[in-house]
Amino acid sequence: MNDYSDQQRGAVERQEEDGTQRYKKLLADEKNTIFGVKDAILAVMLREGAATWQSVEAHLSGECYRAQGELTRFRLEATLNHVRRLSRKPGDPEDGLGETKEVPASRS
């Protein structure tokens, strides 16, 4: 038809892929198994029946808090940072290595 309808169709296809397909790709990716992302997603899904980026991040933060030993804590922090990178939408700005986005303070 025209370019506009093709663009709309492309946007809808990308939007459909964002949810379930994105998780399936993550679970199939070997790098995510190495980083521990797959284990974290599956742990949250088993516990809650479904997983969101926020629930996986909360799970990893809790594991990090309870971690015994510097190496374990470092591995969990690396996995948490990897999850944060994966959860960004393609247009989001990148953080530098070891940096996290600051959450603006709420005004009371």
N, C-alpha and C. Protein backbone atom coordinates (compact mmCIF):
# COMPACT_ATOMS: atom_id res chain seq x y z
N MET A 1 0.84 -1.18 0.00
CA MET A 1 0.00 0.00 0.00
C MET A 1 0.88 1.24 0.00
N ASN A 2 0.96 1.92 1.12
CA ASN A 2 1.83 3.08 1.18
C ASN A 2 2.83 2.92 2.31
N ASP A 3 3.78 3.82 2.36
CA ASP A 3 4.84 3.72 3.36
C ASP A 3 4.30 3.85 4.79
N TYR A 4 3.26 4.68 4.95
CA TYR A 4 2.73 4.91 6.29
C TYR A 4 2.14 3.62 6.88
N SER A 5 1.36 2.89 6.08
CA SER A 5 0.77 1.65 6.60
C SER A 5 1.84 0.60 6.87
N ASP A 6 2.90 0.59 6.06
CA ASP A 6 4.02 -0.33 6.31
C ASP A 6 4.71 0.02 7.63
N GLN A 7 4.85 1.31 7.90
CA GLN A 7 5.48 1.74 9.15
C GLN A 7 4.60 1.35 10.34
N GLN A 8 3.29 1.53 10.19
CA GLN A 8 2.38 1.14 11.26
C GLN A 8 2.46 -0.35 11.53
N ARG A 9 2.46 -1.14 10.47
CA ARG A 9 2.53 -2.59 10.62
C ARG A 9 3.84 -2.99 11.30
N GLY A 10 4.94 -2.34 10.92
CA GLY A 10 6.23 -2.63 11.54
C GLY A 10 6.22 -2.29 13.02
N ALA A 11 5.58 -1.18 13.37
CA ALA A 11 5.51 -0.78 14.78
C ALA A 11 4.69 -1.79 15.58
N VAL A 12 3.61 -2.27 15.01
CA VAL A 12 2.77 -3.25 15.69
C VAL A 12 3.52 -4.56 15.86
N GLU A 13 4.25 -4.99 14.84
CA GLU A 13 5.03 -6.22 14.94
C GLU A 13 6.10 -6.11 16.02
N ARG A 14 6.78 -4.97 16.09
CA ARG A 14 7.80 -4.77 17.13
C ARG A 14 7.15 -4.77 18.51
N GLN A 15 5.97 -4.15 18.61
CA GLN A 15 5.28 -4.08 19.88
C GLN A 15 4.87 -5.48 20.35
N GLU A 16 4.39 -6.34 19.44
CA GLU A 16 4.00 -7.69 19.80
C GLU A 16 5.20 -8.49 20.28
N GLU A 17 6.36 -8.23 19.70
CA GLU A 17 7.55 -8.98 20.06
C GLU A 17 8.06 -8.60 21.45
N ASP A 18 7.74 -7.41 21.93
CA ASP A 18 8.30 -6.92 23.19
C ASP A 18 8.01 -7.82 24.38
N GLY A 19 6.84 -8.39 24.47
CA GLY A 19 6.45 -9.15 25.65
C GLY A 19 7.02 -10.55 25.72
N THR A 20 6.18 -11.51 25.40
CA THR A 20 6.53 -12.92 25.53
C THR A 20 7.70 -13.31 24.66
N GLN A 21 7.73 -12.84 23.43
CA GLN A 21 8.82 -13.21 22.52
C GLN A 21 10.17 -12.77 23.05
N ARG A 22 10.20 -11.61 23.67
CA ARG A 22 11.45 -11.10 24.21
C ARG A 22 11.98 -12.00 25.33
N TYR A 23 11.07 -12.45 26.20
CA TYR A 23 11.48 -13.37 27.26
C TYR A 23 11.96 -14.70 26.68
N LYS A 24 11.25 -15.20 25.66
CA LYS A 24 11.66 -16.46 25.05
C LYS A 24 13.06 -16.35 24.46
N LYS A 25 13.34 -15.23 23.81
CA LYS A 25 14.68 -15.01 23.25
C LYS A 25 15.72 -14.96 24.37
N LEU A 26 15.39 -14.29 25.46
CA LEU A 26 16.32 -14.19 26.58
C LEU A 26 16.62 -15.55 27.19
N LEU A 27 15.58 -16.37 27.33
CA LEU A 27 15.78 -17.69 27.92
C LEU A 27 16.58 -18.60 27.02
N ALA A 28 16.50 -18.38 25.71
CA ALA A 28 17.23 -19.22 24.76
C ALA A 28 18.67 -18.75 24.56
N ASP A 29 18.99 -17.53 24.96
CA ASP A 29 20.32 -16.97 24.72
C ASP A 29 21.33 -17.53 25.72
N GLU A 30 22.39 -18.10 25.20
CA GLU A 30 23.41 -18.74 26.04
C GLU A 30 24.10 -17.74 26.98
N LYS A 31 24.30 -16.50 26.53
CA LYS A 31 24.95 -15.49 27.38
C LYS A 31 24.16 -15.27 28.66
N ASN A 32 22.84 -15.29 28.55
CA ASN A 32 22.01 -15.03 29.72
C ASN A 32 22.06 -16.19 30.71
N THR A 33 22.33 -17.39 30.22
CA THR A 33 22.52 -18.52 31.13
C THR A 33 23.80 -18.32 31.92
N ILE A 34 24.84 -17.85 31.24
CA ILE A 34 26.12 -17.61 31.90
C ILE A 34 25.97 -16.51 32.94
N PHE A 35 25.27 -15.45 32.61
CA PHE A 35 25.11 -14.33 33.54
C PHE A 35 24.16 -14.67 34.69
N GLY A 36 23.34 -15.70 34.56
CA GLY A 36 22.40 -16.06 35.61
C GLY A 36 21.03 -15.44 35.43
N VAL A 37 20.83 -14.74 34.32
CA VAL A 37 19.54 -14.08 34.08
C VAL A 37 18.45 -15.13 33.92
N LYS A 38 18.76 -16.20 33.19
CA LYS A 38 17.77 -17.25 32.97
C LYS A 38 17.31 -17.85 34.30
N ASP A 39 18.24 -18.13 35.19
CA ASP A 39 17.89 -18.69 36.49
C ASP A 39 17.01 -17.73 37.29
N ALA A 40 17.32 -16.45 37.23
CA ALA A 40 16.54 -15.45 37.97
C ALA A 40 15.12 -15.35 37.42
N ILE A 41 14.99 -15.32 36.09
CA ILE A 41 13.66 -15.24 35.47
C ILE A 41 12.85 -16.48 35.83
N LEU A 42 13.46 -17.65 35.72
CA LEU A 42 12.74 -18.89 36.02
C LEU A 42 12.37 -18.98 37.50
N ALA A 43 13.23 -18.51 38.39
CA ALA A 43 12.92 -18.52 39.82
C ALA A 43 11.70 -17.66 40.12
N VAL A 44 11.65 -16.48 39.52
CA VAL A 44 10.50 -15.59 39.73
C VAL A 44 9.24 -16.20 39.13
N MET A 45 9.37 -16.80 37.93
CA MET A 45 8.20 -17.40 37.29
C MET A 45 7.66 -18.57 38.11
N LEU A 46 8.54 -19.37 38.67
CA LEU A 46 8.09 -20.49 39.50
C LEU A 46 7.40 -20.00 40.76
N ARG A 47 7.94 -18.94 41.35
CA ARG A 47 7.38 -18.42 42.60
C ARG A 47 6.07 -17.68 42.37
N GLU A 48 6.02 -16.84 41.34
CA GLU A 48 4.87 -15.95 41.15
C GLU A 48 3.98 -16.33 39.98
N GLY A 49 4.43 -17.22 39.12
CA GLY A 49 3.64 -17.61 37.96
C GLY A 49 3.92 -16.77 36.73
N ALA A 50 4.53 -15.63 36.90
CA ALA A 50 4.89 -14.75 35.78
C ALA A 50 6.06 -13.89 36.23
N ALA A 51 6.74 -13.31 35.25
CA ALA A 51 7.90 -12.48 35.58
C ALA A 51 7.83 -11.16 34.82
N THR A 52 8.21 -10.10 35.50
CA THR A 52 8.39 -8.80 34.85
C THR A 52 9.81 -8.37 35.14
N TRP A 53 10.27 -7.35 34.44
CA TRP A 53 11.62 -6.85 34.70
C TRP A 53 11.75 -6.42 36.15
N GLN A 54 10.70 -5.78 36.66
CA GLN A 54 10.75 -5.28 38.04
C GLN A 54 10.82 -6.43 39.04
N SER A 55 10.06 -7.50 38.78
CA SER A 55 10.07 -8.63 39.73
C SER A 55 11.39 -9.38 39.68
N VAL A 56 12.00 -9.49 38.49
CA VAL A 56 13.31 -10.14 38.38
C VAL A 56 14.37 -9.29 39.07
N GLU A 57 14.29 -7.98 38.87
CA GLU A 57 15.24 -7.07 39.52
C GLU A 57 15.10 -7.13 41.05
N ALA A 58 13.86 -7.18 41.54
CA ALA A 58 13.63 -7.28 42.98
C ALA A 58 14.17 -8.60 43.53
N HIS A 59 13.97 -9.67 42.78
CA HIS A 59 14.49 -10.99 43.19
C HIS A 59 16.01 -10.95 43.32
N LEU A 60 16.67 -10.40 42.30
CA LEU A 60 18.13 -10.33 42.32
C LEU A 60 18.64 -9.40 43.43
N SER A 61 17.93 -8.30 43.66
CA SER A 61 18.33 -7.39 44.74
C SER A 61 18.24 -8.08 46.09
N GLY A 62 17.19 -8.88 46.29
CA GLY A 62 17.05 -9.64 47.53
C GLY A 62 18.14 -10.67 47.69
N GLU A 63 18.46 -11.36 46.59
CA GLU A 63 19.55 -12.34 46.63
C GLU A 63 20.88 -11.66 46.96
N CYS A 64 21.08 -10.50 46.38
CA CYS A 64 22.32 -9.75 46.58
C CYS A 64 22.44 -9.34 48.05
N TYR A 65 21.33 -8.93 48.64
CA TYR A 65 21.31 -8.50 50.04
C TYR A 65 21.68 -9.66 50.98
N ARG A 66 21.21 -10.87 50.64
CA ARG A 66 21.46 -12.04 51.49
C ARG A 66 22.74 -12.78 51.14
N ALA A 67 23.44 -12.36 50.10
CA ALA A 67 24.61 -13.09 49.61
C ALA A 67 25.72 -13.14 50.65
N GLN A 68 26.34 -14.29 50.74
CA GLN A 68 27.48 -14.49 51.63
C GLN A 68 28.73 -14.57 50.77
N GLY A 69 29.67 -13.72 51.01
CA GLY A 69 30.92 -13.77 50.27
C GLY A 69 30.97 -12.72 49.17
N GLU A 70 32.15 -12.18 49.00
CA GLU A 70 32.35 -11.09 48.04
C GLU A 70 32.13 -11.54 46.60
N LEU A 71 32.59 -12.74 46.26
CA LEU A 71 32.46 -13.23 44.89
C LEU A 71 31.00 -13.45 44.51
N THR A 72 30.23 -14.03 45.42
CA THR A 72 28.81 -14.26 45.16
C THR A 72 28.09 -12.94 44.99
N ARG A 73 28.38 -11.98 45.85
CA ARG A 73 27.75 -10.67 45.77
C ARG A 73 28.11 -9.98 44.45
N PHE A 74 29.38 -10.08 44.05
CA PHE A 74 29.83 -9.47 42.81
C PHE A 74 29.11 -10.10 41.61
N ARG A 75 28.96 -11.43 41.63
CA ARG A 75 28.27 -12.12 40.53
C ARG A 75 26.81 -11.68 40.45
N LEU A 76 26.15 -11.59 41.59
CA LEU A 76 24.75 -11.16 41.61
C LEU A 76 24.60 -9.71 41.16
N GLU A 77 25.52 -8.84 41.56
CA GLU A 77 25.48 -7.44 41.12
C GLU A 77 25.68 -7.35 39.61
N ALA A 78 26.58 -8.17 39.06
CA ALA A 78 26.80 -8.19 37.61
C ALA A 78 25.55 -8.67 36.89
N THR A 79 24.89 -9.69 37.44
CA THR A 79 23.65 -10.19 36.85
C THR A 79 22.57 -9.12 36.91
N LEU A 80 22.48 -8.43 38.03
CA LEU A 80 21.49 -7.37 38.19
C LEU A 80 21.73 -6.25 37.18
N ASN A 81 22.98 -5.84 37.00
CA ASN A 81 23.29 -4.82 36.00
C ASN A 81 22.97 -5.30 34.59
N HIS A 82 23.21 -6.58 34.32
CA HIS A 82 22.89 -7.14 33.01
C HIS A 82 21.37 -7.12 32.78
N VAL A 83 20.59 -7.45 33.79
CA VAL A 83 19.13 -7.40 33.68
C VAL A 83 18.67 -5.98 33.41
N ARG A 84 19.28 -5.02 34.09
CA ARG A 84 18.91 -3.62 33.86
C ARG A 84 19.22 -3.20 32.43
N ARG A 85 20.35 -3.67 31.90
CA ARG A 85 20.68 -3.36 30.50
C ARG A 85 19.70 -4.00 29.55
N LEU A 86 19.33 -5.26 29.80
CA LEU A 86 18.40 -5.97 28.93
C LEU A 86 17.01 -5.36 28.97
N SER A 87 16.61 -4.83 30.12
CA SER A 87 15.25 -4.31 30.27
C SER A 87 15.05 -2.96 29.61
N ARG A 88 16.13 -2.31 29.23
CA ARG A 88 15.99 -1.02 28.55
C ARG A 88 15.37 -1.20 27.18
N LYS A 89 14.57 -0.26 26.81
CA LYS A 89 14.03 -0.25 25.46
C LYS A 89 15.13 0.24 24.53
N PRO A 90 15.07 -0.13 23.25
CA PRO A 90 16.15 0.22 22.32
C PRO A 90 16.51 1.71 22.28
N GLY A 91 15.60 2.62 22.53
CA GLY A 91 15.89 4.04 22.45
C GLY A 91 16.39 4.66 23.74
N ASP A 92 16.41 3.89 24.84
CA ASP A 92 16.85 4.43 26.13
C ASP A 92 18.33 4.76 26.12
N PRO A 93 18.73 5.82 26.83
CA PRO A 93 20.15 6.16 26.90
C PRO A 93 20.93 5.11 27.69
N GLU A 94 22.17 4.93 27.33
CA GLU A 94 23.04 3.96 27.99
C GLU A 94 23.68 4.57 29.23
N ASP A 95 23.87 3.78 30.26
CA ASP A 95 24.67 4.18 31.41
C ASP A 95 26.10 3.76 31.12
N GLY A 96 27.04 4.43 31.74
CA GLY A 96 28.42 4.00 31.62
C GLY A 96 28.65 2.75 32.45
N LEU A 97 29.81 2.14 32.31
CA LEU A 97 30.12 0.94 33.08
C LEU A 97 30.08 1.24 34.57
N GLY A 98 29.38 0.40 35.30
CA GLY A 98 29.32 0.55 36.75
C GLY A 98 28.43 1.68 37.22
N GLU A 99 27.76 2.36 36.32
CA GLU A 99 26.89 3.46 36.70
C GLU A 99 25.44 3.00 36.61
N THR A 100 24.61 3.59 37.42
CA THR A 100 23.18 3.33 37.33
C THR A 100 22.46 4.65 37.19
N LYS A 101 21.29 4.59 36.61
CA LYS A 101 20.50 5.80 36.45
C LYS A 101 20.04 6.28 37.81
N GLU A 102 20.11 7.58 38.02
CA GLU A 102 19.60 8.14 39.27
C GLU A 102 18.10 8.30 39.16
N VAL A 103 17.42 7.90 40.20
CA VAL A 103 15.98 8.08 40.26
C VAL A 103 15.73 9.45 40.84
N PRO A 104 14.96 10.29 40.14
CA PRO A 104 14.71 11.63 40.67
C PRO A 104 13.98 11.55 42.00
N ALA A 105 14.40 12.40 42.93
CA ALA A 105 13.78 12.43 44.25
C ALA A 105 12.36 12.96 44.13
N SER A 106 11.45 12.32 44.84
CA SER A 106 10.07 12.79 44.79
C SER A 106 9.93 14.01 45.68
N ARG A 107 9.17 14.94 45.21
CA ARG A 107 8.95 16.18 45.97
C ARG A 107 7.75 16.02 46.86
N SER A 108 7.92 16.33 48.12
CA SER A 108 6.81 16.19 49.07
C SER A 108 6.17 17.51 49.34
